[in-house]
């Protein structure tokens, strides 16, 4: 198994509220930051990488990831009329999904 993540660029993050800490096949925090698997999970564990747990899995909110690299998520992701939602728990994620969907369809 490889310790390098799938490559990830800013456009890969559009439309996503969160990404896994590391993935070999899809956009991840490690892919954007060019980190290996161990380094990504150490950063997640020590709080250097902001995370949230959903169903036992660890994810990184996209807005937090963009801020970490010095970018404004409102500008990069094109949020219009609604603030970026950063879920902190699995329950909040459902609320965030609904809010994002409502903003996308103009509700």
N, C-alpha and C. Protein backbone atom coordinates (compact mmCIF):
# COMPACT_ATOMS: atom_id res chain seq x y z
N UNK A 1 0.85 -1.19 0.00
CA UNK A 1 0.00 0.00 0.00
C UNK A 1 0.89 1.24 0.00
N UNK A 2 0.49 2.21 -0.76
CA UNK A 2 1.27 3.44 -0.87
C UNK A 2 1.01 4.37 0.31
N UNK A 3 2.02 5.16 0.66
CA UNK A 3 1.82 6.15 1.73
C UNK A 3 1.58 7.53 1.13
N UNK A 4 1.59 7.63 -0.20
CA UNK A 4 1.32 8.92 -0.85
C UNK A 4 -0.17 9.01 -1.17
N UNK A 5 -0.76 10.16 -0.89
CA UNK A 5 -2.19 10.32 -1.18
C UNK A 5 -2.43 10.60 -2.66
N UNK A 6 -3.69 10.47 -3.06
CA UNK A 6 -4.07 10.88 -4.41
C UNK A 6 -3.82 12.38 -4.52
N UNK A 7 -3.32 12.86 -5.65
CA UNK A 7 -3.12 14.31 -5.81
C UNK A 7 -4.44 15.05 -5.63
N UNK A 8 -4.38 16.25 -5.06
CA UNK A 8 -5.58 17.04 -4.81
C UNK A 8 -5.25 18.50 -5.09
N UNK A 9 -6.13 19.17 -5.83
CA UNK A 9 -5.95 20.59 -6.10
C UNK A 9 -7.18 21.34 -5.59
N UNK A 10 -7.10 22.64 -5.52
CA UNK A 10 -8.21 23.45 -5.02
C UNK A 10 -9.51 23.16 -5.81
N UNK A 11 -9.48 23.09 -7.15
CA UNK A 11 -10.74 22.79 -7.86
C UNK A 11 -11.36 21.45 -7.46
N UNK A 12 -10.55 20.49 -7.01
CA UNK A 12 -11.09 19.20 -6.57
C UNK A 12 -11.98 19.34 -5.34
N UNK A 13 -11.81 20.43 -4.60
CA UNK A 13 -12.54 20.62 -3.35
C UNK A 13 -13.90 21.29 -3.55
N UNK A 14 -14.15 21.84 -4.71
CA UNK A 14 -15.42 22.54 -4.96
C UNK A 14 -16.59 21.57 -4.80
N UNK A 15 -17.59 22.01 -4.09
CA UNK A 15 -18.77 21.19 -3.88
C UNK A 15 -18.68 20.24 -2.69
N UNK A 16 -17.53 20.19 -2.04
CA UNK A 16 -17.35 19.30 -0.89
C UNK A 16 -17.37 20.09 0.41
N UNK A 17 -18.02 19.57 1.44
CA UNK A 17 -18.00 20.20 2.76
C UNK A 17 -16.83 19.70 3.59
N UNK A 18 -16.42 18.46 3.36
CA UNK A 18 -15.33 17.87 4.12
C UNK A 18 -14.62 16.84 3.25
N UNK A 19 -13.38 16.54 3.62
CA UNK A 19 -12.59 15.53 2.91
C UNK A 19 -11.94 14.63 3.95
N UNK A 20 -11.60 13.41 3.58
CA UNK A 20 -10.88 12.56 4.53
C UNK A 20 -9.49 13.12 4.81
N UNK A 21 -8.92 12.72 5.93
CA UNK A 21 -7.56 13.14 6.25
C UNK A 21 -6.61 12.64 5.18
N UNK A 22 -6.78 11.38 4.76
CA UNK A 22 -5.90 10.77 3.77
C UNK A 22 -6.71 9.82 2.91
N UNK A 23 -6.42 9.79 1.63
CA UNK A 23 -7.04 8.82 0.73
C UNK A 23 -6.12 8.59 -0.46
N UNK A 24 -6.04 7.33 -0.88
CA UNK A 24 -5.23 7.00 -2.06
C UNK A 24 -5.99 7.23 -3.35
N UNK A 25 -7.32 7.41 -3.27
CA UNK A 25 -8.12 7.47 -4.49
C UNK A 25 -8.98 8.72 -4.68
N UNK A 26 -9.20 9.51 -3.63
CA UNK A 26 -10.05 10.69 -3.77
C UNK A 26 -9.43 11.89 -3.08
N UNK A 27 -9.97 13.09 -3.34
CA UNK A 27 -9.40 14.29 -2.72
C UNK A 27 -9.33 14.15 -1.19
N UNK A 28 -8.22 14.59 -0.63
CA UNK A 28 -8.03 14.51 0.82
C UNK A 28 -7.17 15.68 1.29
N UNK A 29 -7.16 15.89 2.59
CA UNK A 29 -6.32 16.94 3.16
C UNK A 29 -4.85 16.64 2.88
N UNK A 30 -4.46 15.40 3.04
CA UNK A 30 -3.07 15.03 2.79
C UNK A 30 -2.68 15.27 1.33
N UNK A 31 -3.61 15.03 0.42
CA UNK A 31 -3.33 15.25 -1.00
C UNK A 31 -3.08 16.71 -1.31
N UNK A 32 -3.88 17.60 -0.70
CA UNK A 32 -3.70 19.03 -0.92
C UNK A 32 -2.40 19.52 -0.29
N UNK A 33 -2.09 19.00 0.90
CA UNK A 33 -0.91 19.45 1.63
C UNK A 33 0.35 18.66 1.27
N UNK A 34 0.22 17.67 0.38
CA UNK A 34 1.33 16.81 -0.04
C UNK A 34 2.01 16.16 1.16
N UNK A 35 1.19 15.52 1.98
CA UNK A 35 1.69 14.84 3.18
C UNK A 35 1.48 13.33 3.01
N UNK A 36 2.36 12.58 3.62
CA UNK A 36 2.18 11.14 3.66
C UNK A 36 1.10 10.77 4.67
N UNK A 37 0.72 9.52 4.67
CA UNK A 37 -0.36 9.05 5.54
C UNK A 37 -0.04 9.26 7.02
N UNK A 38 1.13 8.83 7.46
CA UNK A 38 1.49 8.96 8.87
C UNK A 38 1.52 10.41 9.31
N UNK A 39 2.13 11.27 8.51
CA UNK A 39 2.22 12.70 8.86
C UNK A 39 0.84 13.33 8.94
N UNK A 40 -0.06 12.94 8.04
CA UNK A 40 -1.42 13.49 8.04
C UNK A 40 -2.17 13.11 9.31
N UNK A 41 -2.05 11.85 9.71
CA UNK A 41 -2.76 11.42 10.91
C UNK A 41 -2.12 11.95 12.19
N UNK A 42 -0.82 12.17 12.18
CA UNK A 42 -0.17 12.82 13.33
C UNK A 42 -0.68 14.26 13.45
N UNK A 43 -0.74 14.97 12.33
CA UNK A 43 -1.24 16.36 12.34
C UNK A 43 -2.70 16.41 12.79
N UNK A 44 -3.49 15.44 12.37
CA UNK A 44 -4.89 15.38 12.80
C UNK A 44 -4.96 15.09 14.30
N UNK A 45 -4.11 14.22 14.79
CA UNK A 45 -4.11 13.85 16.20
C UNK A 45 -3.65 14.94 17.13
N UNK A 46 -2.68 15.74 16.69
CA UNK A 46 -2.15 16.79 17.58
C UNK A 46 -2.88 18.13 17.40
N UNK A 47 -3.87 18.16 16.52
CA UNK A 47 -4.66 19.38 16.35
C UNK A 47 -4.13 20.34 15.31
N UNK A 48 -3.00 20.04 14.69
CA UNK A 48 -2.46 20.92 13.64
C UNK A 48 -3.37 20.95 12.43
N UNK A 49 -4.09 19.87 12.22
CA UNK A 49 -5.03 19.75 11.12
C UNK A 49 -6.43 19.68 11.75
N UNK A 50 -7.29 20.68 11.50
CA UNK A 50 -8.62 20.67 12.12
C UNK A 50 -9.46 19.51 11.60
N UNK A 51 -10.07 18.77 12.49
CA UNK A 51 -10.82 17.59 12.08
C UNK A 51 -12.18 17.52 12.76
N UNK A 52 -13.01 16.64 12.21
CA UNK A 52 -14.29 16.29 12.82
C UNK A 52 -14.50 14.80 12.58
N UNK A 53 -15.11 14.12 13.53
CA UNK A 53 -15.39 12.70 13.38
C UNK A 53 -16.83 12.51 12.94
N UNK A 54 -17.01 11.67 11.95
CA UNK A 54 -18.34 11.35 11.45
C UNK A 54 -18.40 9.83 11.31
N UNK A 55 -19.23 9.22 12.11
CA UNK A 55 -19.37 7.77 12.03
C UNK A 55 -18.08 7.01 12.25
N UNK A 56 -17.23 7.50 13.12
CA UNK A 56 -15.97 6.82 13.40
C UNK A 56 -14.84 7.16 12.44
N UNK A 57 -15.13 7.93 11.41
CA UNK A 57 -14.09 8.33 10.45
C UNK A 57 -13.71 9.78 10.72
N UNK A 58 -12.48 10.11 10.37
CA UNK A 58 -11.97 11.46 10.62
C UNK A 58 -11.95 12.24 9.31
N UNK A 59 -12.58 13.42 9.34
CA UNK A 59 -12.64 14.29 8.17
C UNK A 59 -12.11 15.67 8.51
N UNK A 60 -11.75 16.41 7.46
CA UNK A 60 -11.29 17.79 7.60
C UNK A 60 -12.30 18.68 6.87
N UNK A 61 -12.90 19.65 7.57
CA UNK A 61 -13.79 20.58 6.87
C UNK A 61 -13.01 21.35 5.79
N UNK A 62 -13.57 21.41 4.60
CA UNK A 62 -12.89 22.06 3.47
C UNK A 62 -12.59 23.53 3.78
N UNK A 63 -13.53 24.24 4.40
CA UNK A 63 -13.31 25.65 4.72
C UNK A 63 -12.09 25.80 5.64
N UNK A 64 -11.98 24.92 6.63
CA UNK A 64 -10.83 24.98 7.55
C UNK A 64 -9.52 24.66 6.83
N UNK A 65 -9.58 23.69 5.93
CA UNK A 65 -8.39 23.31 5.16
C UNK A 65 -7.90 24.47 4.29
N UNK A 66 -8.84 25.16 3.66
CA UNK A 66 -8.46 26.31 2.82
C UNK A 66 -7.86 27.43 3.67
N UNK A 67 -8.47 27.68 4.84
CA UNK A 67 -7.90 28.71 5.73
C UNK A 67 -6.49 28.32 6.18
N UNK A 68 -6.28 27.03 6.40
CA UNK A 68 -4.97 26.54 6.84
C UNK A 68 -3.89 26.89 5.83
N UNK A 69 -4.23 26.88 4.55
CA UNK A 69 -3.25 27.20 3.52
C UNK A 69 -3.32 28.67 3.09
N UNK A 70 -4.06 29.48 3.89
CA UNK A 70 -4.08 30.92 3.66
C UNK A 70 -5.06 31.42 2.62
N UNK A 71 -6.09 30.63 2.32
CA UNK A 71 -7.07 31.04 1.32
C UNK A 71 -8.42 31.31 1.98
N UNK A 72 -9.19 32.21 1.41
CA UNK A 72 -10.52 32.53 1.90
C UNK A 72 -11.52 31.59 1.23
N UNK A 73 -12.16 30.71 2.00
CA UNK A 73 -13.08 29.75 1.38
C UNK A 73 -14.25 30.40 0.66
N UNK A 74 -14.68 31.58 1.11
CA UNK A 74 -15.78 32.27 0.44
C UNK A 74 -15.38 32.65 -0.99
N UNK A 75 -14.17 33.06 -1.17
CA UNK A 75 -13.68 33.45 -2.49
C UNK A 75 -13.38 32.21 -3.34
N UNK A 76 -12.65 31.27 -2.77
CA UNK A 76 -12.22 30.09 -3.52
C UNK A 76 -13.39 29.22 -3.94
N UNK A 77 -14.32 29.00 -3.03
CA UNK A 77 -15.42 28.08 -3.31
C UNK A 77 -16.66 28.78 -3.85
N UNK A 78 -16.62 30.12 -3.87
CA UNK A 78 -17.72 30.87 -4.44
C UNK A 78 -18.97 30.90 -3.60
N UNK A 79 -18.82 30.87 -2.27
CA UNK A 79 -20.00 30.98 -1.41
C UNK A 79 -20.63 32.34 -1.64
N UNK A 80 -21.92 32.36 -1.89
CA UNK A 80 -22.63 33.61 -2.12
C UNK A 80 -23.86 33.65 -1.21
N UNK A 81 -23.96 34.70 -0.39
CA UNK A 81 -25.15 34.89 0.42
C UNK A 81 -25.24 34.04 1.66
N UNK A 82 -24.31 33.15 1.88
CA UNK A 82 -24.34 32.31 3.08
C UNK A 82 -22.92 32.10 3.57
N UNK A 83 -22.75 32.11 4.86
CA UNK A 83 -21.43 31.88 5.45
C UNK A 83 -21.05 30.42 5.28
N UNK A 84 -19.77 30.15 5.21
CA UNK A 84 -19.29 28.77 5.17
C UNK A 84 -19.66 28.09 6.47
N UNK A 85 -20.06 26.86 6.38
CA UNK A 85 -20.45 26.11 7.57
C UNK A 85 -19.34 25.13 7.89
N UNK A 86 -18.88 25.16 9.13
CA UNK A 86 -17.85 24.23 9.55
C UNK A 86 -18.40 23.32 10.63
N UNK A 87 -18.84 22.13 10.27
CA UNK A 87 -19.40 21.24 11.26
C UNK A 87 -18.35 20.78 12.26
N UNK A 88 -18.78 20.59 13.50
CA UNK A 88 -17.87 20.11 14.53
C UNK A 88 -18.26 18.74 15.03
N UNK A 89 -19.46 18.30 14.74
CA UNK A 89 -19.90 16.96 15.13
C UNK A 89 -20.69 16.35 13.99
N UNK A 90 -20.94 15.07 14.08
CA UNK A 90 -21.73 14.40 13.06
C UNK A 90 -23.12 14.99 12.94
N UNK A 91 -23.73 15.38 14.09
CA UNK A 91 -25.07 15.98 14.06
C UNK A 91 -25.04 17.31 13.32
N UNK A 92 -23.99 18.10 13.56
CA UNK A 92 -23.86 19.39 12.88
C UNK A 92 -23.67 19.21 11.39
N UNK A 93 -23.06 18.10 10.98
CA UNK A 93 -22.81 17.89 9.56
C UNK A 93 -24.12 17.80 8.79
N UNK A 94 -25.11 17.13 9.34
CA UNK A 94 -26.39 17.05 8.65
C UNK A 94 -26.99 18.44 8.48
N UNK A 95 -26.90 19.27 9.50
CA UNK A 95 -27.38 20.65 9.42
C UNK A 95 -26.60 21.41 8.35
N UNK A 96 -25.28 21.19 8.32
CA UNK A 96 -24.44 21.87 7.34
C UNK A 96 -24.80 21.44 5.92
N UNK A 97 -25.06 20.14 5.72
CA UNK A 97 -25.43 19.66 4.40
C UNK A 97 -26.73 20.30 3.94
N UNK A 98 -27.71 20.39 4.84
CA UNK A 98 -28.99 20.99 4.51
C UNK A 98 -28.82 22.48 4.20
N UNK A 99 -28.03 23.19 5.02
CA UNK A 99 -27.80 24.62 4.80
C UNK A 99 -27.10 24.85 3.46
N UNK A 100 -26.11 24.04 3.15
CA UNK A 100 -25.39 24.20 1.90
C UNK A 100 -26.29 23.90 0.71
N UNK A 101 -27.12 22.88 0.84
CA UNK A 101 -28.03 22.54 -0.24
C UNK A 101 -29.04 23.67 -0.45
N UNK A 102 -29.57 24.20 0.64
CA UNK A 102 -30.52 25.31 0.55
C UNK A 102 -29.91 26.52 -0.12
N UNK A 103 -28.65 26.83 0.23
CA UNK A 103 -27.96 27.97 -0.37
C UNK A 103 -27.73 27.72 -1.87
N UNK A 104 -27.42 26.47 -2.22
CA UNK A 104 -27.13 26.15 -3.62
C UNK A 104 -28.36 26.28 -4.50
N UNK A 105 -29.53 25.95 -3.95
CA UNK A 105 -30.74 26.01 -4.77
C UNK A 105 -31.50 27.31 -4.57
N UNK A 106 -30.95 28.21 -3.74
CA UNK A 106 -31.55 29.52 -3.55
C UNK A 106 -32.73 29.54 -2.59
N UNK A 107 -32.78 28.55 -1.72
CA UNK A 107 -33.89 28.51 -0.74
C UNK A 107 -33.67 29.47 0.39
